[in-house]
Amino acid sequence: MNSINNRYHEIKNISFDGYFISLFVDSKFYKIDLRTQSIKLANSNDKIKNNYKISQSGYGIHWEEIDEDLSIDGLIKSEGKSLLYRKTKPKKLVLRDKLKKTVRS
């Protein structure tokens, strides 16, 4: 547990860019694909995305209008998975194209 202000996490500078949420958690920067966390939030407009409340304990973020909650620990753990998803997707597409060319030849 982070001892700063008796908070579980210190969360700052939350912003959104399309499907991505960017934030600082305990002074470390994270950029996470919301589609791996919440389709409801990912598809929400900017007004809804920016109308959030950070829990007093620093444990999570809540969006009242769409009744959505995301835990900070869950977001942090998913960061690597969303990066892996983005990195591997083009490779799979290239592999499929190569297979199609091989089958057609």
Protein backbone atom coordinates (compact mmCIF):
# COMPACT_ATOMS: atom_id res chain seq x y z
CA MET A 1 0.00 0.00 0.00
CA ASN A 2 1.24 3.43 -0.90
CA SER A 3 1.68 5.52 2.24
CA ILE A 4 1.11 8.85 0.48
CA ASN A 5 -2.12 10.31 1.90
CA ASN A 6 -3.20 6.80 3.04
CA ARG A 7 -4.06 5.97 -0.55
CA TYR A 8 -3.73 2.66 -2.29
CA HIS A 9 -2.52 4.48 -5.44
CA GLU A 10 -1.85 8.07 -6.34
CA ILE A 11 -3.66 8.72 -9.63
CA LYS A 12 -3.04 11.85 -11.68
CA ASN A 13 -3.48 13.36 -15.14
CA ILE A 14 -6.14 11.07 -16.59
CA SER A 15 -6.79 11.79 -20.25
CA PHE A 16 -8.39 10.04 -23.21
CA ASP A 17 -7.40 9.70 -26.85
CA GLY A 18 -9.90 7.69 -28.82
CA TYR A 19 -9.92 4.18 -27.36
CA PHE A 20 -6.99 4.88 -25.03
CA ILE A 21 -6.78 6.10 -21.46
CA SER A 22 -3.54 7.70 -20.28
CA LEU A 23 -2.76 8.27 -16.63
CA PHE A 24 -0.02 8.47 -14.04
CA VAL A 25 -0.24 5.91 -11.25
CA ASP A 26 2.26 6.30 -8.43
CA SER A 27 4.35 8.58 -10.72
CA LYS A 28 4.51 6.00 -13.53
CA PHE A 29 2.86 6.68 -16.91
CA TYR A 30 0.41 4.19 -18.44
CA LYS A 31 -1.44 4.22 -21.76
CA ILE A 32 -4.06 1.48 -21.97
CA ASP A 33 -6.43 0.36 -24.70
CA LEU A 34 -9.91 0.67 -23.20
CA ARG A 35 -11.23 -1.99 -25.58
CA THR A 36 -9.38 -4.56 -23.47
CA GLN A 37 -11.09 -3.25 -20.31
CA SER A 38 -14.57 -1.95 -21.08
CA ILE A 39 -16.30 -1.81 -24.44
CA LYS A 40 -18.96 0.39 -22.84
CA LEU A 41 -16.36 2.96 -21.79
CA ALA A 42 -14.29 2.62 -24.98
CA ASN A 43 -17.37 3.45 -27.08
CA SER A 44 -18.49 6.35 -24.88
CA ASN A 45 -18.15 9.94 -26.03
CA ASP A 46 -15.55 12.31 -24.58
CA LYS A 47 -18.06 14.02 -22.29
CA ILE A 48 -18.86 10.71 -20.58
CA LYS A 49 -15.23 9.56 -20.48
CA ASN A 50 -14.15 12.79 -18.80
CA ASN A 51 -16.93 12.65 -16.20
CA TYR A 52 -15.20 10.25 -13.80
CA LYS A 53 -14.45 10.10 -10.09
CA ILE A 54 -11.33 8.61 -8.55
CA SER A 55 -12.12 6.66 -5.40
CA GLN A 56 -10.89 8.35 -2.24
CA SER A 57 -8.67 5.38 -1.51
CA GLY A 58 -7.10 5.53 -4.98
CA TYR A 59 -8.27 2.00 -5.67
CA GLY A 60 -10.30 2.71 -8.83
CA ILE A 61 -12.14 5.03 -11.19
CA HIS A 62 -15.93 5.31 -11.53
CA TRP A 63 -18.10 6.64 -14.38
CA GLU A 64 -21.56 7.39 -12.96
CA GLU A 65 -23.38 7.98 -16.27
CA ILE A 66 -22.60 4.49 -17.57
CA ASP A 67 -22.26 2.80 -14.16
CA GLU A 68 -18.73 1.56 -14.92
CA ASP A 69 -15.85 0.94 -12.52
CA LEU A 70 -12.25 0.08 -13.32
CA SER A 71 -9.70 -0.90 -10.72
CA ILE A 72 -6.26 0.63 -10.99
CA ASP A 73 -4.58 -2.73 -10.37
CA GLY A 74 -6.60 -4.24 -13.23
CA LEU A 75 -5.60 -1.42 -15.56
CA ILE A 76 -1.91 -1.76 -14.66
CA LYS A 77 -1.95 -5.53 -15.14
CA SER A 78 -3.66 -5.18 -18.52
CA GLU A 79 -1.18 -2.68 -19.93
CA GLY A 80 1.20 -5.37 -21.15
CA LYS A 81 -1.66 -7.40 -22.63
CA SER A 82 -2.99 -4.46 -24.61
CA LEU A 83 0.51 -3.75 -25.94
CA LEU A 84 0.92 -7.43 -26.85
CA TYR A 85 -2.45 -7.36 -28.62
CA ARG A 86 -1.44 -4.33 -30.69
CA LYS A 87 1.98 -5.75 -31.55
CA THR A 88 0.85 -9.22 -32.55
CA LYS A 89 -2.20 -8.31 -34.60
CA PRO A 90 -0.25 -7.03 -37.66
CA LYS A 91 2.03 -10.09 -37.58
CA LYS A 92 -0.98 -12.41 -37.73
CA LEU A 93 -2.38 -10.51 -40.69
CA VAL A 94 0.93 -10.73 -42.53
CA LEU A 95 1.10 -14.47 -41.82
CA ARG A 96 -2.42 -14.96 -43.20
CA ASP A 97 -1.49 -13.04 -46.36
CA LYS A 98 1.57 -15.27 -46.83
CA LEU A 99 -0.57 -18.38 -46.40
CA LYS A 100 -3.08 -17.13 -48.97
CA LYS A 101 -0.27 -16.45 -51.45
CA THR A 102 1.17 -19.91 -50.85
CA VAL A 103 -2.19 -21.60 -51.38
CA ARG A 104 -2.86 -19.63 -54.57
CA SER A 105 0.59 -20.32 -56.06
